């Protein structure tokens, strides 16, 4: 167990049957699942294994990887999203995003 669920405060327990679906296929992997709400999360090692498996089936890497430099503004850090990615995802700039920690040096940003 790694702690409490960020969504409901329930207990997270280890699960080895988490299914991650991609257009190229599905991967069954390990991670943590909330016993109360079913939310599934991964630690850094789980993410590394998942990315490795996704690369093998062609679902990760290639042109989807972008490298950008972070910058500072006041006491915060800014991550700029390139205009071509804004267009591809239909982002206007006023959306709300969820930011989820996915490892020691990894996070996931999702437009909600």
N, C-alpha and C. Protein backbone atom coordinates (compact mmCIF):
# COMPACT_ATOMS: atom_id res chain seq x y z
N UNK A 1 0.84 -1.19 0.00
CA UNK A 1 0.00 0.00 0.00
C UNK A 1 0.88 1.25 0.00
N UNK A 2 0.50 2.27 -0.77
CA UNK A 2 1.30 3.49 -0.82
C UNK A 2 0.59 4.69 -0.20
N UNK A 3 -0.62 4.52 0.29
CA UNK A 3 -1.28 5.65 0.92
C UNK A 3 -2.76 5.68 0.66
N UNK A 4 -3.29 6.89 0.58
CA UNK A 4 -4.72 7.10 0.42
C UNK A 4 -5.03 7.57 -1.00
N UNK A 5 -6.23 7.27 -1.44
CA UNK A 5 -6.71 7.67 -2.75
C UNK A 5 -6.91 9.19 -2.78
N UNK A 6 -6.42 9.83 -3.83
CA UNK A 6 -6.56 11.27 -3.97
C UNK A 6 -8.00 11.67 -4.28
N UNK A 7 -8.80 10.75 -4.82
CA UNK A 7 -10.18 11.08 -5.16
C UNK A 7 -11.13 10.96 -3.98
N UNK A 8 -11.03 9.84 -3.23
CA UNK A 8 -12.03 9.61 -2.19
C UNK A 8 -11.44 9.42 -0.79
N UNK A 9 -10.11 9.33 -0.68
CA UNK A 9 -9.48 9.11 0.61
C UNK A 9 -9.44 7.66 1.05
N UNK A 10 -9.91 6.76 0.16
CA UNK A 10 -9.91 5.33 0.46
C UNK A 10 -8.50 4.75 0.47
N UNK A 11 -8.39 3.49 0.84
CA UNK A 11 -7.11 2.80 0.93
C UNK A 11 -6.68 2.26 -0.43
N UNK A 12 -5.42 2.48 -0.78
CA UNK A 12 -4.86 1.93 -2.01
C UNK A 12 -4.22 0.59 -1.71
N UNK A 13 -4.49 -0.40 -2.55
CA UNK A 13 -3.84 -1.70 -2.39
C UNK A 13 -3.24 -2.13 -3.73
N UNK A 14 -2.23 -2.97 -3.65
CA UNK A 14 -1.51 -3.43 -4.84
C UNK A 14 -2.44 -4.28 -5.69
N UNK A 15 -2.41 -4.06 -7.00
CA UNK A 15 -3.21 -4.84 -7.94
C UNK A 15 -2.32 -5.21 -9.12
N UNK A 16 -2.44 -6.44 -9.61
CA UNK A 16 -1.62 -6.87 -10.74
C UNK A 16 -2.47 -7.15 -11.97
N UNK A 17 -3.69 -6.62 -12.00
CA UNK A 17 -4.60 -6.89 -13.12
C UNK A 17 -5.19 -5.61 -13.72
N UNK A 18 -4.40 -4.53 -13.72
CA UNK A 18 -4.88 -3.26 -14.27
C UNK A 18 -4.71 -3.30 -15.79
N UNK A 19 -5.80 -3.04 -16.51
CA UNK A 19 -5.79 -3.08 -17.97
C UNK A 19 -5.66 -1.66 -18.50
N UNK A 20 -4.63 -1.44 -19.32
CA UNK A 20 -4.43 -0.15 -19.99
C UNK A 20 -4.68 -0.38 -21.48
N UNK A 21 -5.68 0.30 -22.02
CA UNK A 21 -6.04 0.11 -23.42
C UNK A 21 -5.49 1.23 -24.28
N UNK A 22 -4.94 0.83 -25.41
CA UNK A 22 -4.40 1.73 -26.42
C UNK A 22 -5.04 1.34 -27.76
N UNK A 23 -5.05 2.23 -28.74
CA UNK A 23 -5.57 1.83 -30.06
C UNK A 23 -4.81 0.61 -30.63
N UNK A 24 -3.55 0.47 -30.26
CA UNK A 24 -2.72 -0.62 -30.78
C UNK A 24 -2.92 -1.94 -30.03
N UNK A 25 -3.58 -1.92 -28.89
CA UNK A 25 -3.80 -3.13 -28.10
C UNK A 25 -3.92 -2.80 -26.63
N UNK A 26 -4.12 -3.82 -25.81
CA UNK A 26 -4.26 -3.65 -24.37
C UNK A 26 -3.07 -4.27 -23.64
N UNK A 27 -2.72 -3.68 -22.50
CA UNK A 27 -1.62 -4.18 -21.67
C UNK A 27 -2.18 -4.39 -20.27
N UNK A 28 -1.92 -5.56 -19.72
CA UNK A 28 -2.29 -5.84 -18.33
C UNK A 28 -1.03 -5.61 -17.50
N UNK A 29 -1.13 -4.76 -16.50
CA UNK A 29 0.05 -4.37 -15.72
C UNK A 29 -0.29 -4.26 -14.24
N UNK A 30 0.70 -3.98 -13.43
CA UNK A 30 0.52 -3.83 -11.99
C UNK A 30 0.47 -2.35 -11.61
N UNK A 31 -0.15 -2.07 -10.50
CA UNK A 31 -0.24 -0.71 -9.98
C UNK A 31 -0.96 -0.75 -8.64
N UNK A 32 -1.69 0.30 -8.34
CA UNK A 32 -2.45 0.36 -7.10
C UNK A 32 -3.90 0.70 -7.44
N UNK A 33 -4.84 0.11 -6.68
CA UNK A 33 -6.26 0.36 -6.89
C UNK A 33 -6.89 0.73 -5.55
N UNK A 34 -7.74 1.74 -5.58
CA UNK A 34 -8.48 2.14 -4.38
C UNK A 34 -9.56 1.10 -4.09
N UNK A 35 -9.59 0.59 -2.87
CA UNK A 35 -10.59 -0.42 -2.51
C UNK A 35 -11.99 0.19 -2.41
N UNK A 36 -12.08 1.51 -2.26
CA UNK A 36 -13.38 2.16 -2.12
C UNK A 36 -13.99 2.56 -3.46
N UNK A 37 -13.22 3.29 -4.30
CA UNK A 37 -13.79 3.83 -5.54
C UNK A 37 -13.26 3.17 -6.81
N UNK A 38 -12.19 2.37 -6.71
CA UNK A 38 -11.66 1.68 -7.88
C UNK A 38 -10.66 2.48 -8.69
N UNK A 39 -10.34 3.71 -8.28
CA UNK A 39 -9.34 4.51 -8.98
C UNK A 39 -8.02 3.74 -9.05
N UNK A 40 -7.35 3.77 -10.21
CA UNK A 40 -6.09 3.06 -10.39
C UNK A 40 -4.96 4.05 -10.61
N UNK A 41 -3.84 3.85 -9.91
CA UNK A 41 -2.68 4.72 -10.06
C UNK A 41 -1.43 3.86 -10.15
N UNK A 42 -0.33 4.50 -10.58
CA UNK A 42 0.93 3.80 -10.76
C UNK A 42 2.04 4.55 -10.05
N UNK A 43 3.04 3.81 -9.56
CA UNK A 43 4.24 4.47 -9.04
C UNK A 43 5.26 4.54 -10.18
N UNK A 44 6.43 5.10 -9.91
CA UNK A 44 7.43 5.30 -10.95
C UNK A 44 7.86 4.02 -11.65
N UNK A 45 8.08 2.95 -10.88
CA UNK A 45 8.51 1.67 -11.46
C UNK A 45 7.40 1.07 -12.32
N UNK A 46 6.14 1.18 -11.86
CA UNK A 46 5.02 0.68 -12.65
C UNK A 46 4.91 1.43 -13.98
N UNK A 47 5.09 2.75 -13.93
CA UNK A 47 5.03 3.56 -15.14
C UNK A 47 6.13 3.16 -16.11
N UNK A 48 7.35 2.95 -15.60
CA UNK A 48 8.45 2.55 -16.47
C UNK A 48 8.14 1.23 -17.17
N UNK A 49 7.59 0.25 -16.44
CA UNK A 49 7.22 -1.04 -17.04
C UNK A 49 6.11 -0.86 -18.08
N UNK A 50 5.13 -0.04 -17.76
CA UNK A 50 4.02 0.20 -18.68
C UNK A 50 4.51 0.87 -19.96
N UNK A 51 5.36 1.87 -19.83
CA UNK A 51 5.88 2.56 -21.02
C UNK A 51 6.70 1.59 -21.88
N UNK A 52 7.51 0.74 -21.24
CA UNK A 52 8.29 -0.26 -21.98
C UNK A 52 7.40 -1.20 -22.76
N UNK A 53 6.33 -1.69 -22.13
CA UNK A 53 5.39 -2.58 -22.82
C UNK A 53 4.65 -1.84 -23.93
N UNK A 54 4.27 -0.59 -23.69
CA UNK A 54 3.56 0.20 -24.70
C UNK A 54 4.46 0.47 -25.91
N UNK A 55 5.73 0.69 -25.67
CA UNK A 55 6.67 0.89 -26.79
C UNK A 55 6.76 -0.37 -27.64
N UNK A 56 6.72 -1.55 -27.00
CA UNK A 56 6.82 -2.81 -27.73
C UNK A 56 5.65 -3.02 -28.68
N UNK A 57 4.46 -2.53 -28.30
CA UNK A 57 3.31 -2.69 -29.19
C UNK A 57 3.10 -1.46 -30.08
N UNK A 58 4.03 -0.49 -29.99
CA UNK A 58 3.95 0.69 -30.85
C UNK A 58 2.98 1.76 -30.37
N UNK A 59 2.62 1.73 -29.10
CA UNK A 59 1.65 2.68 -28.57
C UNK A 59 2.29 3.86 -27.84
N UNK A 60 3.62 3.91 -27.77
CA UNK A 60 4.29 4.97 -27.02
C UNK A 60 5.57 5.37 -27.75
N UNK A 61 5.85 6.66 -27.73
CA UNK A 61 7.11 7.13 -28.30
C UNK A 61 6.91 7.76 -29.66
N UNK A 62 7.99 7.85 -30.38
CA UNK A 62 7.92 8.44 -31.71
C UNK A 62 7.60 9.91 -31.66
N UNK A 63 6.68 10.35 -32.52
CA UNK A 63 6.36 11.76 -32.65
C UNK A 63 5.52 12.31 -31.51
N UNK A 64 5.05 11.46 -30.59
CA UNK A 64 4.23 11.97 -29.49
C UNK A 64 5.06 12.54 -28.35
N UNK A 65 6.37 12.35 -28.38
CA UNK A 65 7.23 12.84 -27.31
C UNK A 65 7.72 14.24 -27.67
N UNK A 66 7.43 15.20 -26.80
CA UNK A 66 7.87 16.58 -27.00
C UNK A 66 8.77 16.98 -25.84
N UNK A 67 9.80 17.74 -26.13
CA UNK A 67 10.68 18.25 -25.08
C UNK A 67 10.52 19.76 -25.04
N UNK A 68 10.22 20.26 -23.85
CA UNK A 68 10.04 21.70 -23.65
C UNK A 68 10.80 22.14 -22.41
N UNK A 69 11.18 23.41 -22.37
CA UNK A 69 11.87 23.97 -21.22
C UNK A 69 10.84 24.63 -20.31
N UNK A 70 10.97 24.36 -19.02
CA UNK A 70 10.11 25.02 -18.03
C UNK A 70 10.64 26.42 -17.77
N UNK A 71 9.77 27.32 -17.36
CA UNK A 71 10.20 28.67 -17.00
C UNK A 71 9.50 29.09 -15.71
N UNK A 72 10.00 30.16 -15.10
CA UNK A 72 9.46 30.63 -13.83
C UNK A 72 8.60 31.86 -14.05
N UNK A 73 7.59 31.99 -13.21
CA UNK A 73 6.75 33.17 -13.18
C UNK A 73 6.35 33.39 -11.73
N UNK A 74 6.89 34.43 -11.13
CA UNK A 74 6.64 34.65 -9.71
C UNK A 74 7.22 33.49 -8.91
N UNK A 75 6.37 32.83 -8.13
CA UNK A 75 6.83 31.68 -7.35
C UNK A 75 6.42 30.36 -7.98
N UNK A 76 5.89 30.40 -9.20
CA UNK A 76 5.42 29.18 -9.86
C UNK A 76 6.25 28.82 -11.08
N UNK A 77 6.00 27.63 -11.59
CA UNK A 77 6.69 27.13 -12.77
C UNK A 77 5.67 27.01 -13.90
N UNK A 78 6.10 27.40 -15.10
CA UNK A 78 5.22 27.40 -16.27
C UNK A 78 5.69 26.33 -17.26
N UNK A 79 4.73 25.58 -17.80
CA UNK A 79 4.99 24.65 -18.89
C UNK A 79 4.16 25.15 -20.07
N UNK A 80 4.82 25.55 -21.14
CA UNK A 80 4.12 26.06 -22.31
C UNK A 80 3.73 24.91 -23.22
N UNK A 81 2.53 25.00 -23.78
CA UNK A 81 2.05 23.98 -24.71
C UNK A 81 2.18 24.54 -26.12
N UNK A 82 2.88 23.82 -27.01
CA UNK A 82 3.07 24.32 -28.38
C UNK A 82 1.74 24.47 -29.13
N UNK A 83 1.67 25.42 -30.03
CA UNK A 83 0.43 25.73 -30.74
C UNK A 83 -0.06 24.55 -31.57
N UNK A 84 0.85 23.75 -32.15
CA UNK A 84 0.40 22.60 -32.94
C UNK A 84 -0.29 21.55 -32.06
N UNK A 85 0.18 21.41 -30.82
CA UNK A 85 -0.46 20.49 -29.88
C UNK A 85 -1.80 21.06 -29.41
N UNK A 86 -1.86 22.38 -29.21
CA UNK A 86 -3.13 23.03 -28.87
C UNK A 86 -4.18 22.75 -29.95
N UNK A 87 -3.77 22.88 -31.19
CA UNK A 87 -4.71 22.63 -32.31
C UNK A 87 -5.13 21.17 -32.34
N UNK A 88 -4.18 20.26 -32.20
CA UNK A 88 -4.48 18.83 -32.27
C UNK A 88 -5.44 18.40 -31.16
N UNK A 89 -5.33 19.03 -29.99
CA UNK A 89 -6.18 18.66 -28.84
C UNK A 89 -7.36 19.62 -28.66
N UNK A 90 -7.51 20.57 -29.58
CA UNK A 90 -8.58 21.58 -29.51
C UNK A 90 -8.56 22.33 -28.19
N UNK A 91 -7.38 22.74 -27.75
CA UNK A 91 -7.22 23.51 -26.52
C UNK A 91 -7.30 24.99 -26.85
N UNK A 92 -8.12 25.73 -26.10
CA UNK A 92 -8.27 27.16 -26.33
C UNK A 92 -7.44 28.00 -25.36
N UNK A 93 -7.07 27.44 -24.22
CA UNK A 93 -6.28 28.17 -23.24
C UNK A 93 -7.02 28.54 -21.98
N UNK A 94 -8.32 28.25 -21.94
CA UNK A 94 -9.10 28.57 -20.74
C UNK A 94 -9.63 27.32 -20.05
N UNK A 95 -9.16 26.14 -20.46
CA UNK A 95 -9.62 24.88 -19.89
C UNK A 95 -9.02 24.64 -18.50
N UNK A 96 -9.64 23.74 -17.78
CA UNK A 96 -9.12 23.27 -16.50
C UNK A 96 -8.39 21.97 -16.77
N UNK A 97 -7.26 21.75 -16.07
CA UNK A 97 -6.51 20.51 -16.23
C UNK A 97 -6.32 19.85 -14.88
N UNK A 98 -6.21 18.52 -14.91
CA UNK A 98 -5.81 17.75 -13.74
C UNK A 98 -4.35 17.40 -13.91
N UNK A 99 -3.56 17.57 -12.85
CA UNK A 99 -2.15 17.20 -12.87
C UNK A 99 -1.97 16.10 -11.84
N UNK A 100 -1.46 14.96 -12.29
CA UNK A 100 -1.31 13.79 -11.43
C UNK A 100 0.16 13.38 -11.38
N UNK A 101 0.67 13.19 -10.18
CA UNK A 101 2.04 12.71 -10.00
C UNK A 101 2.08 11.25 -10.42
N UNK A 102 3.05 10.91 -11.27
CA UNK A 102 3.16 9.54 -11.79
C UNK A 102 4.53 8.94 -11.51
N UNK A 103 5.30 9.53 -10.62
CA UNK A 103 6.62 9.04 -10.27
C UNK A 103 7.45 10.17 -9.70
N UNK A 104 8.71 9.86 -9.38
CA UNK A 104 9.58 10.88 -8.77
C UNK A 104 9.79 12.08 -9.69
N UNK A 105 9.91 11.86 -10.99
CA UNK A 105 10.15 12.96 -11.93
C UNK A 105 9.18 12.88 -13.09
N UNK A 106 7.95 12.48 -12.80
CA UNK A 106 6.97 12.29 -13.86
C UNK A 106 5.61 12.77 -13.40
N UNK A 107 4.89 13.46 -14.29
CA UNK A 107 3.52 13.82 -14.00
C UNK A 107 2.70 13.77 -15.29
N UNK A 108 1.39 13.63 -15.13
CA UNK A 108 0.49 13.53 -16.27
C UNK A 108 -0.47 14.72 -16.18
N UNK A 109 -0.67 15.39 -17.30
CA UNK A 109 -1.60 16.51 -17.38
C UNK A 109 -2.74 16.08 -18.29
N UNK A 110 -3.98 16.24 -17.80
CA UNK A 110 -5.15 15.86 -18.57
C UNK A 110 -6.16 16.99 -18.57
N UNK A 111 -6.62 17.37 -19.76
CA UNK A 111 -7.66 18.40 -19.88
C UNK A 111 -8.97 17.78 -19.45
N UNK A 112 -9.69 18.48 -18.56
CA UNK A 112 -10.99 17.95 -18.07
C UNK A 112 -12.14 18.73 -18.65
